[in-house]
Amino acid sequence: MRFDNQSALISGAASGLGRAYALALAERGAKVMLMDCMPLEATEVQSLLQALETTGASYRYWSVDVGSPDAIEAWAAEFAAAGSGVDLLINNAGVHTHSSFEHQSITDIRRQLQVDLLGSIALTHALWPGMMNRGYGRIVMSTGVSGLYGDLHQSAFACAKMALIGLVNGLAAEGLARNVMVNSLCPLAHTAMTDAHLAPQVKSLFSKEIVTAAMLFLLSGQAPGGRHLLAGGGSVSELCIAEHRYCYFESELRTPEVIAAHWADIDNAWPIQKHANGEDQIFAFAKRAAHEQGIRLD
């Protein structure tokens, strides 16, 4: 799988998975555009640039804080003026706060949303018109297991990451006809960010290879659209956003007391049902209600 003659922008590129993505893309022929809040002189940045030199790849680095709207706006104006295009975008920049909701400041919560969510939105918004006009693009949002399933003392992080799932769902529907595929990847690898959250005996199990491989697949010409993958510990799986089998209540039974009485049935209703989009879910609601009233919906 090659990325020759394609350009890739990676936020949060100076270390961890961002660095791994940058090197993997460079080794497979991509021109890499690197963005991080670290200054050019930072040890991590210089180490990455030296590693890229050995691949012979074309690269460029910007020191930009994606959590700063002014900084992103200035970068976008500079980038647009240069007439450059981007084929592949990895929204990898993020911060990881760990605190009970009660003791987390609103400032910290805003920062989490500014970097992980609004930073991803801003970069995507800046590059979206070019991808749509050219009829090609690949965008990947980086999520997290705490966002998908919830974890203790991870509320701000979970909020930002789960919001990216909704962003992917909406953009994927818009981009599909123009071959702009938008997906998310939930990675778990041993990095400086995750070091304190992994038990010592399992750290070696979470190397970066499978995560990088999943990312490259989502950036490739074979990528699907609107999918949410998880990768870690050698495994790749797809997150299924689905609805449990419904319990339908006739008109005279639509009270909170009836719902409470049937909660065990609602909570444990299987099998699950997948919906292709929101309109499909709405149609399913309407079809059930129409049946009771003798209305036929095709």
C-alpha atoms as a PDB file:
ATOM      1  CA  MET A   1       0.000   0.000   0.000  1.00  0.00           C
ATOM      2  CA  ARG A   2       1.626   3.197  -1.215  1.00  0.00           C
ATOM      3  CA  PHE A   3       0.858   6.908  -0.822  1.00  0.00           C
ATOM      4  CA  ASP A   4       3.056   8.305  -3.582  1.00  0.00           C
ATOM      5  CA  ASN A   5       2.107  11.782  -4.796  1.00  0.00           C
ATOM      6  CA  GLN A   6      -0.211  12.256  -1.829  1.00  0.00           C
ATOM      7  CA  SER A   7       0.168  14.766   0.977  1.00  0.00           C
ATOM      8  CA  ALA A   8      -0.792  14.013   4.566  1.00  0.00           C
ATOM      9  CA  LEU A   9      -1.335  16.439   7.433  1.00  0.00           C
ATOM     10  CA  ILE A  10      -0.915  15.013  10.927  1.00  0.00           C
ATOM     11  CA  SER A  11      -1.727  16.981  14.058  1.00  0.00           C
ATOM     12  CA  GLY A  12       0.002  16.038  17.289  1.00  0.00           C
ATOM     13  CA  ALA A  13       2.790  14.681  15.103  1.00  0.00           C
ATOM     14  CA  ALA A  14       5.884  15.243  17.229  1.00  0.00           C
ATOM     15  CA  SER A  15       5.596  12.231  19.510  1.00  0.00           C
ATOM     16  CA  GLY A  16       3.685   9.042  20.275  1.00  0.00           C
ATOM     17  CA  LEU A  17       1.296   7.759  17.652  1.00  0.00           C
ATOM     18  CA  GLY A  18       1.519  10.968  15.634  1.00  0.00           C
ATOM     19  CA  ARG A  19       5.204  10.328  15.098  1.00  0.00           C
ATOM     20  CA  ALA A  20       4.531   6.693  14.175  1.00  0.00           C
ATOM     21  CA  TYR A  21       1.901   7.746  11.617  1.00  0.00           C
ATOM     22  CA  ALA A  22       4.232  10.333  10.088  1.00  0.00           C
ATOM     23  CA  LEU A  23       7.104   7.890   9.660  1.00  0.00           C
ATOM     24  CA  ALA A  24       4.868   5.139   8.282  1.00  0.00           C
ATOM     25  CA  LEU A  25       3.364   7.474   5.685  1.00  0.00           C
ATOM     26  CA  ALA A  26       6.761   8.867   4.723  1.00  0.00           C
ATOM     27  CA  GLU A  27       8.170   5.380   4.256  1.00  0.00           C
ATOM     28  CA  ARG A  28       5.286   4.625   1.899  1.00  0.00           C
ATOM     29  CA  GLY A  29       5.848   7.653  -0.279  1.00  0.00           C
ATOM     30  CA  ALA A  30       3.635  10.389   1.177  1.00  0.00           C
ATOM     31  CA  LYS A  31       4.626  13.994   1.604  1.00  0.00           C
ATOM     32  CA  VAL A  32       4.064  14.625   5.306  1.00  0.00           C
ATOM     33  CA  MET A  33       2.924  17.887   6.825  1.00  0.00           C
ATOM     34  CA  LEU A  34       3.480  17.925  10.547  1.00  0.00           C
ATOM     35  CA  MET A  35       1.715  20.003  13.162  1.00  0.00           C
ATOM     36  CA  ASP A  36       2.299  20.138  16.903  1.00  0.00           C
ATOM     37  CA  CYS A  37       2.300  22.701  19.689  1.00  0.00           C
ATOM     38  CA  MET A  38       6.009  22.081  20.336  1.00  0.00           C
ATOM     39  CA  PRO A  39       8.493  24.599  18.925  1.00  0.00           C
ATOM     40  CA  LEU A  40      10.699  23.563  16.035  1.00  0.00           C
ATOM     41  CA  GLU A  41      13.714  23.430  18.362  1.00  0.00           C
ATOM     42  CA  ALA A  42      12.118  20.871  20.690  1.00  0.00           C
ATOM     43  CA  THR A  43      14.012  17.611  21.052  1.00  0.00           C
ATOM     44  CA  GLU A  44      11.002  15.550  19.958  1.00  0.00           C
ATOM     45  CA  VAL A  45      10.509  17.616  16.814  1.00  0.00           C
ATOM     46  CA  GLN A  46      14.167  17.521  15.821  1.00  0.00           C
ATOM     47  CA  SER A  47      14.274  13.764  16.404  1.00  0.00           C
ATOM     48  CA  LEU A  48      11.273  13.275  14.121  1.00  0.00           C
ATOM     49  CA  LEU A  49      12.670  15.491  11.382  1.00  0.00           C
ATOM     50  CA  GLN A  50      15.989  13.641  11.481  1.00  0.00           C
ATOM     51  CA  ALA A  51      14.165  10.327  11.191  1.00  0.00           C
ATOM     52  CA  LEU A  52      12.226  11.661   8.214  1.00  0.00           C
ATOM     53  CA  GLU A  53      15.458  12.725   6.554  1.00  0.00           C
ATOM     54  CA  THR A  54      16.555   9.114   6.418  1.00  0.00           C
ATOM     55  CA  THR A  55      13.423   8.153   4.486  1.00  0.00           C
ATOM     56  CA  GLY A  56      14.043  10.750   1.814  1.00  0.00           C
ATOM     57  CA  ALA A  57      10.466  11.970   2.184  1.00  0.00           C
ATOM     58  CA  SER A  58       9.310  15.527   1.640  1.00  0.00           C
ATOM     59  CA  TYR A  59       8.079  17.136   4.860  1.00  0.00           C
ATOM     60  CA  ARG A  60       7.167  20.410   6.522  1.00  0.00           C
ATOM     61  CA  TYR A  61       6.593  21.296  10.166  1.00  0.00           C
ATOM     62  CA  TRP A  62       4.308  23.910  11.722  1.00  0.00           C
ATOM     63  CA  SER A  63       4.331  24.824  15.405  1.00  0.00           C
ATOM     64  CA  VAL A  64       0.599  25.379  15.959  1.00  0.00           C
ATOM     65  CA  ASP A  65      -1.602  24.882  18.994  1.00  0.00           C
ATOM     66  CA  VAL A  66      -4.787  23.362  17.525  1.00  0.00           C
ATOM     67  CA  GLY A  67      -6.578  24.363  20.710  1.00  0.00           C
ATOM     68  CA  SER A  68      -6.137  28.040  19.805  1.00  0.00           C
ATOM     69  CA  PRO A  69      -8.761  29.291  17.315  1.00  0.00           C
ATOM     70  CA  ASP A  70      -6.571  32.264  16.391  1.00  0.00           C
ATOM     71  CA  ALA A  71      -3.571  30.027  15.705  1.00  0.00           C
ATOM     72  CA  ILE A  72      -5.601  27.674  13.507  1.00  0.00           C
ATOM     73  CA  GLU A  73      -7.164  30.571  11.619  1.00  0.00           C
ATOM     74  CA  ALA A  74      -3.732  32.084  10.933  1.00  0.00           C
ATOM     75  CA  TRP A  75      -2.383  28.737   9.779  1.00  0.00           C
ATOM     76  CA  ALA A  76      -5.372  28.123   7.513  1.00  0.00           C
ATOM     77  CA  ALA A  77      -4.946  31.536   5.867  1.00  0.00           C
ATOM     78  CA  GLU A  78      -1.239  30.889   5.275  1.00  0.00           C
ATOM     79  CA  PHE A  79      -1.936  27.424   3.923  1.00  0.00           C
ATOM     80  CA  ALA A  80      -4.668  28.628   1.585  1.00  0.00           C
ATOM     81  CA  ALA A  81      -2.476  31.441   0.270  1.00  0.00           C
ATOM     82  CA  ALA A  82       0.223  28.908  -0.607  1.00  0.00           C
ATOM     83  CA  GLY A  83      -2.297  27.031  -2.749  1.00  0.00           C
ATOM     84  CA  SER A  84      -1.345  23.727  -1.170  1.00  0.00           C
ATOM     85  CA  GLY A  85      -3.676  20.764  -1.005  1.00  0.00           C
ATOM     86  CA  VAL A  86      -3.976  17.891   1.430  1.00  0.00           C
ATOM     87  CA  ASP A  87      -5.184  14.421   0.487  1.00  0.00           C
ATOM     88  CA  LEU A  88      -5.017  12.805   3.919  1.00  0.00           C
ATOM     89  CA  LEU A  89      -5.779  14.306   7.328  1.00  0.00           C
ATOM     90  CA  ILE A  90      -5.121  12.672  10.685  1.00  0.00           C
ATOM     91  CA  ASN A  91      -6.675  14.582  13.582  1.00  0.00           C
ATOM     92  CA  ASN A  92      -4.409  13.091  16.211  1.00  0.00           C
ATOM     93  CA  ALA A  93      -3.716  16.050  18.544  1.00  0.00           C
ATOM     94  CA  GLY A  94      -5.203  15.633  21.974  1.00  0.00           C
ATOM     95  CA  VAL A  95      -4.825  16.168  25.690  1.00  0.00           C
ATOM     96  CA  HIS A  96      -5.738  13.708  28.394  1.00  0.00           C
ATOM     97  CA  THR A  97      -7.215  15.048  31.608  1.00  0.00           C
ATOM     98  CA  HIS A  98      -7.897  12.745  34.540  1.00  0.00           C
ATOM     99  CA  SER A  99     -10.014  14.140  37.329  1.00  0.00           C
ATOM    100  CA  SER A 100     -13.369  13.715  39.002  1.00  0.00           C
ATOM    101  CA  PHE A 101     -15.944  15.983  37.405  1.00  0.00           C
ATOM    102  CA  GLU A 102     -16.462  17.763  40.717  1.00  0.00           C
ATOM    103  CA  HIS A 103     -12.826  18.810  40.933  1.00  0.00           C
ATOM    104  CA  GLN A 104     -12.159  19.519  37.282  1.00  0.00           C
ATOM    105  CA  SER A 105     -12.130  23.194  36.420  1.00  0.00           C
ATOM    106  CA  ILE A 106     -14.231  24.622  33.618  1.00  0.00           C
ATOM    107  CA  THR A 107     -10.977  25.957  32.150  1.00  0.00           C
ATOM    108  CA  ASP A 108      -9.577  22.431  31.900  1.00  0.00           C
ATOM    109  CA  ILE A 109     -12.808  21.126  30.387  1.00  0.00           C
ATOM    110  CA  ARG A 110     -12.778  23.899  27.787  1.00  0.00           C
ATOM    111  CA  ARG A 111      -9.177  23.108  26.950  1.00  0.00           C
ATOM    112  CA  GLN A 112     -10.037  19.439  26.407  1.00  0.00           C
ATOM    113  CA  LEU A 113     -12.824  20.373  24.009  1.00  0.00           C
ATOM    114  CA  GLN A 114     -10.750  23.031  22.248  1.00  0.00           C
ATOM    115  CA  VAL A 115      -7.923  20.633  21.442  1.00  0.00           C
ATOM    116  CA  ASP A 116      -9.620  17.299  20.824  1.00  0.00           C
ATOM    117  CA  LEU A 117     -12.931  18.405  19.351  1.00  0.00           C
ATOM    118  CA  LEU A 118     -12.796  21.989  18.105  1.00  0.00           C
ATOM    119  CA  GLY A 119      -9.210  21.603  16.888  1.00  0.00           C
ATOM    120  CA  SER A 120     -10.257  18.604  14.810  1.00  0.00           C
ATOM    121  CA  ILE A 121     -13.260  20.514  13.486  1.00  0.00           C
ATOM    122  CA  ALA A 122     -11.133  23.538  12.572  1.00  0.00           C
ATOM    123  CA  LEU A 123      -8.493  21.570  10.670  1.00  0.00           C
ATOM    124  CA  THR A 124     -11.129  19.524   8.875  1.00  0.00           C
ATOM    125  CA  HIS A 125     -13.103  22.644   7.993  1.00  0.00           C
ATOM    126  CA  ALA A 126      -9.995  24.290   6.533  1.00  0.00           C
ATOM    127  CA  LEU A 127      -9.188  21.313   4.285  1.00  0.00           C
ATOM    128  CA  TRP A 128     -12.704  20.106   3.466  1.00  0.00           C
ATOM    129  CA  PRO A 129     -13.438  22.391   0.465  1.00  0.00           C
ATOM    130  CA  GLY A 130     -10.221  21.358  -1.285  1.00  0.00           C
ATOM    131  CA  MET A 131     -10.928  17.657  -0.824  1.00  0.00           C
ATOM    132  CA  MET A 132     -14.511  18.028  -2.017  1.00  0.00           C
ATOM    133  CA  ASN A 133     -13.479  20.070  -5.059  1.00  0.00           C
ATOM    134  CA  ARG A 134     -10.782  17.568  -6.044  1.00  0.00           C
ATOM    135  CA  GLY A 135     -13.088  14.617  -5.473  1.00  0.00           C
ATOM    136  CA  TYR A 136     -10.732  12.801  -3.117  1.00  0.00           C
ATOM    137  CA  GLY A 137      -9.841  12.875   0.544  1.00  0.00           C
ATOM    138  CA  ARG A 138      -9.319  10.724   3.606  1.00  0.00           C
ATOM    139  CA  ILE A 139      -9.930  12.029   7.139  1.00  0.00           C
ATOM    140  CA  VAL A 140      -9.468  10.106  10.379  1.00  0.00           C
ATOM    141  CA  MET A 141     -10.492  11.315  13.845  1.00  0.00           C
ATOM    142  CA  SER A 142      -8.716   9.828  16.845  1.00  0.00           C
ATOM    143  CA  THR A 143     -11.112   8.702  19.574  1.00  0.00           C
ATOM    144  CA  GLY A 144     -10.614   6.814  22.843  1.00  0.00           C
ATOM    145  CA  VAL A 145     -12.139   3.897  24.731  1.00  0.00           C
ATOM    146  CA  SER A 146     -13.187   6.170  27.591  1.00  0.00           C
ATOM    147  CA  GLY A 147     -15.277   8.136  25.130  1.00  0.00           C
ATOM    148  CA  LEU A 148     -16.883   5.060  23.622  1.00  0.00           C
ATOM    149  CA  TYR A 149     -17.654   3.247  26.872  1.00  0.00           C
ATOM    150  CA  GLY A 150     -17.018   5.674  29.723  1.00  0.00           C
ATOM    151  CA  ASP A 151     -14.472   5.477  32.521  1.00  0.00           C
ATOM    152  CA  LEU A 152     -14.110   6.866  36.004  1.00  0.00           C
ATOM    153  CA  HIS A 153     -12.765  10.440  36.125  1.00  0.00           C
ATOM    154  CA  GLN A 154     -12.708  10.783  32.318  1.00  0.00           C
ATOM    155  CA  SER A 155     -15.815  12.890  31.697  1.00  0.00           C
ATOM    156  CA  ALA A 156     -14.223  15.752  29.727  1.00  0.00           C
ATOM    157  CA  PHE A 157     -12.082  13.405  27.665  1.00  0.00           C
ATOM    158  CA  ALA A 158     -15.085  11.143  27.023  1.00  0.00           C
ATOM    159  CA  CYS A 159     -17.230  14.099  25.978  1.00  0.00           C
ATOM    160  CA  ALA A 160     -14.698  15.326  23.423  1.00  0.00           C
ATOM    161  CA  LYS A 161     -14.007  11.905  21.959  1.00  0.00           C
ATOM    162  CA  MET A 162     -17.635  10.857  21.690  1.00  0.00           C
ATOM    163  CA  ALA A 163     -18.473  14.131  19.956  1.00  0.00           C
ATOM    164  CA  LEU A 164     -15.980  13.155  17.250  1.00  0.00           C
ATOM    165  CA  ILE A 165     -18.076  10.048  16.557  1.00  0.00           C
ATOM    166  CA  GLY A 166     -21.022  12.282  15.679  1.00  0.00           C
ATOM    167  CA  LEU A 167     -18.771  14.501  13.561  1.00  0.00           C
ATOM    168  CA  VAL A 168     -17.598  11.481  11.573  1.00  0.00           C
ATOM    169  CA  ASN A 169     -21.162  10.285  11.029  1.00  0.00           C
ATOM    170  CA  GLY A 170     -22.248  13.652   9.662  1.00  0.00           C
ATOM    171  CA  LEU A 171     -19.210  14.319   7.484  1.00  0.00           C
ATOM    172  CA  ALA A 172     -19.143  10.784   6.097  1.00  0.00           C
ATOM    173  CA  ALA A 173     -22.629  11.270   4.671  1.00  0.00           C
ATOM    174  CA  GLU A 174     -21.578  14.552   3.019  1.00  0.00           C
ATOM    175  CA  GLY A 175     -18.282  13.319   1.653  1.00  0.00           C
ATOM    176  CA  LEU A 176     -19.276   9.937   0.270  1.00  0.00           C
ATOM    177  CA  ALA A 177     -20.431  11.140  -3.151  1.00  0.00           C
ATOM    178  CA  ARG A 178     -17.157  13.050  -3.633  1.00  0.00           C
ATOM    179  CA  ASN A 179     -14.927  10.169  -2.506  1.00  0.00           C
ATOM    180  CA  VAL A 180     -14.014  11.950   0.715  1.00  0.00           C
ATOM    181  CA  MET A 181     -14.028   9.165   3.283  1.00  0.00           C
ATOM    182  CA  VAL A 182     -14.258  10.126   6.939  1.00  0.00           C
ATOM    183  CA  ASN A 183     -13.718   7.579   9.709  1.00  0.00           C
ATOM    184  CA  SER A 184     -12.543   7.322  13.293  1.00  0.00           C
ATOM    185  CA  LEU A 185      -9.885   5.190  14.921  1.00  0.00           C
ATOM    186  CA  CYS A 186      -9.832   4.335  18.605  1.00  0.00           C
ATOM    187  CA  PRO A 187      -6.178   3.447  19.258  1.00  0.00           C
ATOM    188  CA  LEU A 188      -4.601   1.845  22.282  1.00  0.00           C
ATOM    189  CA  ALA A 189      -0.822   1.795  22.266  1.00  0.00           C
ATOM    190  CA  HIS A 190       1.869   2.267  24.870  1.00  0.00           C
ATOM    191  CA  THR A 191       2.908   5.918  24.631  1.00  0.00           C
ATOM    192  CA  ALA A 192       3.885   8.634  27.083  1.00  0.00           C
ATOM    193  CA  MET A 193       0.193   9.605  27.310  1.00  0.00           C
ATOM    194  CA  THR A 194      -0.999   6.100  28.187  1.00  0.00           C
ATOM    195  CA  ASP A 195       1.987   5.003  30.275  1.00  0.00           C
ATOM    196  CA  ALA A 196       0.348   5.762  33.619  1.00  0.00           C
ATOM    197  CA  HIS A 197      -2.871   3.986  32.625  1.00  0.00           C
ATOM    198  CA  LEU A 198      -1.418   0.624  31.587  1.00  0.00           C
ATOM    199  CA  ALA A 199      -0.289  -2.027  34.065  1.00  0.00           C
ATOM    200  CA  PRO A 200       3.443  -2.773  33.765  1.00  0.00           C
ATOM    201  CA  GLN A 201       2.839  -6.399  32.784  1.00  0.00           C
ATOM    202  CA  VAL A 202       0.724  -5.475  29.714  1.00  0.00           C
ATOM    203  CA  LYS A 203       2.623  -2.485  28.328  1.00  0.00           C
ATOM    204  CA  SER A 204       4.646  -4.642  25.960  1.00  0.00           C
ATOM    205  CA  LEU A 205       1.404  -6.023  24.463  1.00  0.00           C
ATOM    206  CA  PHE A 206       0.372  -2.609  23.171  1.00  0.00           C
ATOM    207  CA  SER A 207       2.990  -1.750  20.577  1.00  0.00           C
ATOM    208  CA  LYS A 208       2.141   0.731  17.820  1.00  0.00           C
ATOM    209  CA  GLU A 209       2.210  -1.602  14.795  1.00  0.00           C
ATOM    210  CA  ILE A 210      -1.443  -2.651  14.622  1.00  0.00           C
ATOM    211  CA  VAL A 211      -2.654   0.882  15.337  1.00  0.00           C
ATOM    212  CA  THR A 212      -0.457   2.280  12.563  1.00  0.00           C
ATOM    213  CA  ALA A 213      -1.620  -0.429  10.177  1.00  0.00           C
ATOM    214  CA  ALA A 214      -5.285   0.376  10.889  1.00  0.00           C
ATOM    215  CA  MET A 215      -4.624   4.075  10.384  1.00  0.00           C
ATOM    216  CA  LEU A 216      -2.936   3.491   7.026  1.00  0.00           C
ATOM    217  CA  PHE A 217      -5.875   1.359   5.898  1.00  0.00           C
ATOM    218  CA  LEU A 218      -8.299   4.177   6.746  1.00  0.00           C
ATOM    219  CA  LEU A 219      -6.121   6.574   4.730  1.00  0.00           C
ATOM    220  CA  SER A 220      -5.928   4.301   1.701  1.00  0.00           C
ATOM    221  CA  GLY A 221      -7.934   4.146  -1.474  1.00  0.00           C
ATOM    222  CA  GLN A 222      -9.680   1.083  -0.018  1.00  0.00           C
ATOM    223  CA  ALA A 223     -11.013   2.940   3.008  1.00  0.00           C
ATOM    224  CA  PRO A 224     -14.728   2.727   3.810  1.00  0.00           C
ATOM    225  CA  GLY A 225     -16.661   5.763   5.036  1.00  0.00           C
ATOM    226  CA  GLY A 226     -18.440   6.474   8.289  1.00  0.00           C
ATOM    227  CA  ARG A 227     -16.828   3.607  10.186  1.00  0.00           C
ATOM    228  CA  HIS A 228     -15.380   3.516  13.676  1.00  0.00           C
ATOM    229  CA  LEU A 229     -12.478   1.131  14.205  1.00  0.00           C
ATOM    230  CA  LEU A 230     -10.695   0.072  17.370  1.00  0.00           C
ATOM    231  CA  ALA A 231      -7.100  -1.121  17.265  1.00  0.00           C
ATOM    232  CA  GLY A 232      -4.762  -2.309  19.985  1.00  0.00           C
ATOM    233  CA  GLY A 233      -2.868  -5.329  21.253  1.00  0.00           C
ATOM    234  CA  GLY A 234      -2.803  -6.898  17.791  1.00  0.00           C
ATOM    235  CA  SER A 235      -6.574  -6.667  17.286  1.00  0.00           C
ATOM    236  CA  VAL A 236      -8.725  -4.598  14.952  1.00  0.00           C
ATOM    237  CA  SER A 237     -12.504  -4.421  15.345  1.00  0.00           C
ATOM    238  CA  GLU A 238     -15.383  -2.191  14.305  1.00  0.00           C
ATOM    239  CA  LEU A 239     -17.523  -0.315  16.786  1.00  0.00           C
ATOM    240  CA  CYS A 240     -21.180  -1.066  16.157  1.00  0.00           C
ATOM    241  CA  ILE A 241     -23.590   1.715  17.067  1.00  0.00           C
ATOM    242  CA  ALA A 242     -26.854  -0.182  17.238  1.00  0.00           C
ATOM    243  CA  GLU A 243     -30.289  -0.263  18.820  1.00  0.00           C
ATOM    244  CA  HIS A 244     -31.577  -3.108  20.957  1.00  0.00           C
ATOM    245  CA  ARG A 245     -34.720  -4.838  19.762  1.00  0.00           C
ATOM    246  CA  TYR A 246     -37.591  -2.484  20.486  1.00  0.00           C
ATOM    247  CA  CYS A 247     -40.556  -2.859  22.799  1.00  0.00           C
ATOM    248  CA  TYR A 248     -43.633  -1.311  21.227  1.00  0.00           C
ATOM    249  CA  PHE A 249     -46.355   0.175  23.454  1.00  0.00           C
ATOM    250  CA  GLU A 250     -49.918   0.607  22.243  1.00  0.00           C
ATOM    251  CA  SER A 251     -51.422   4.096  22.586  1.00  0.00           C
ATOM    252  CA  GLU A 252     -53.127   3.444  25.919  1.00  0.00           C
ATOM    253  CA  LEU A 253     -49.920   2.057  27.483  1.00  0.00           C
ATOM    254  CA  ARG A 254     -47.596   5.014  26.888  1.00  0.00           C
ATOM    255  CA  THR A 255     -46.963   6.011  30.504  1.00  0.00           C
ATOM    256  CA  PRO A 256     -43.766   6.158  32.566  1.00  0.00           C
ATOM    257  CA  GLU A 257     -45.176   3.503  34.883  1.00  0.00           C
ATOM    258  CA  VAL A 258     -45.524   1.042  32.014  1.00  0.00           C
ATOM    259  CA  ILE A 259     -41.980   1.756  30.857  1.00  0.00           C
ATOM    260  CA  ALA A 260     -40.709   1.172  34.400  1.00  0.00           C
ATOM    261  CA  ALA A 261     -42.614  -2.110  34.576  1.00  0.00           C
ATOM    262  CA  HIS A 262     -41.037  -3.268  31.302  1.00  0.00           C
ATOM    263  CA  TRP A 263     -37.561  -1.896  31.933  1.00  0.00           C
ATOM    264  CA  ALA A 264     -36.002  -5.366  32.204  1.00  0.00           C
ATOM    265  CA  ASP A 265     -37.362  -6.204  28.743  1.00  0.00           C
ATOM    266  CA  ILE A 266     -36.088  -2.941  27.238  1.00  0.00           C
ATOM    267  CA  ASP A 267     -32.685  -3.244  28.904  1.00  0.00           C
ATOM    268  CA  ASN A 268     -32.075  -6.812  27.763  1.00  0.00           C
ATOM    269  CA  ALA A 269     -33.782  -6.817  24.377  1.00  0.00           C
ATOM    270  CA  TRP A 270     -31.848  -8.758  21.750  1.00  0.00           C
ATOM    271  CA  PRO A 271     -30.902  -9.033  18.969  1.00  0.00           C
ATOM    272  CA  ILE A 272     -29.555  -5.604  18.141  1.00  0.00           C
ATOM    273  CA  GLN A 273     -30.502  -3.620  15.043  1.00  0.00           C
ATOM    274  CA  LYS A 274     -28.099  -1.518  12.999  1.00  0.00           C
ATOM    275  CA  HIS A 275     -29.219   1.629  11.227  1.00  0.00           C
ATOM    276  CA  ALA A 276     -27.424   3.042   8.196  1.00  0.00           C
ATOM    277  CA  ASN A 277     -28.224   6.636   9.169  1.00  0.00           C
ATOM    278  CA  GLY A 278     -30.580   8.806  11.209  1.00  0.00           C
ATOM    279  CA  GLU A 279     -33.254   8.756   8.516  1.00  0.00           C
ATOM    280  CA  ASP A 280     -33.285   4.958   8.677  1.00  0.00           C
ATOM    281  CA  GLN A 281     -33.910   5.135  12.439  1.00  0.00           C
ATOM    282  CA  ILE A 282     -36.740   7.644  11.966  1.00  0.00           C
ATOM    283  CA  PHE A 283     -38.352   5.419   9.337  1.00  0.00           C
ATOM    284  CA  ALA A 284     -38.165   2.451  11.731  1.00  0.00           C
ATOM    285  CA  PHE A 285     -39.990   4.474  14.420  1.00  0.00           C
ATOM    286  CA  ALA A 286     -42.616   5.596  11.920  1.00  0.00           C
ATOM    287  CA  LYS A 287     -43.168   2.124  10.479  1.00  0.00           C
ATOM    288  CA  ARG A 288     -43.918   0.630  13.888  1.00  0.00           C
ATOM    289  CA  ALA A 289     -46.358   3.386  14.826  1.00  0.00           C
ATOM    290  CA  ALA A 290     -48.008   3.298  11.397  1.00  0.00           C
ATOM    291  CA  HIS A 291     -48.747  -0.406  11.768  1.00  0.00           C
ATOM    292  CA  GLU A 292     -50.906   0.212  14.853  1.00  0.00           C
ATOM    293  CA  GLN A 293     -52.946   2.840  12.974  1.00  0.00           C
ATOM    294  CA  GLY A 294     -53.293   0.816   9.810  1.00  0.00           C
ATOM    295  CA  ILE A 295     -51.056   3.103   7.748  1.00  0.00           C
ATOM    296  CA  ARG A 296     -48.820   1.401   5.204  1.00  0.00           C
ATOM    297  CA  LEU A 297     -45.310   2.793   4.741  1.00  0.00           C
ATOM    298  CA  ASP A 298     -43.092   1.417   1.972  1.00  0.00           C
END
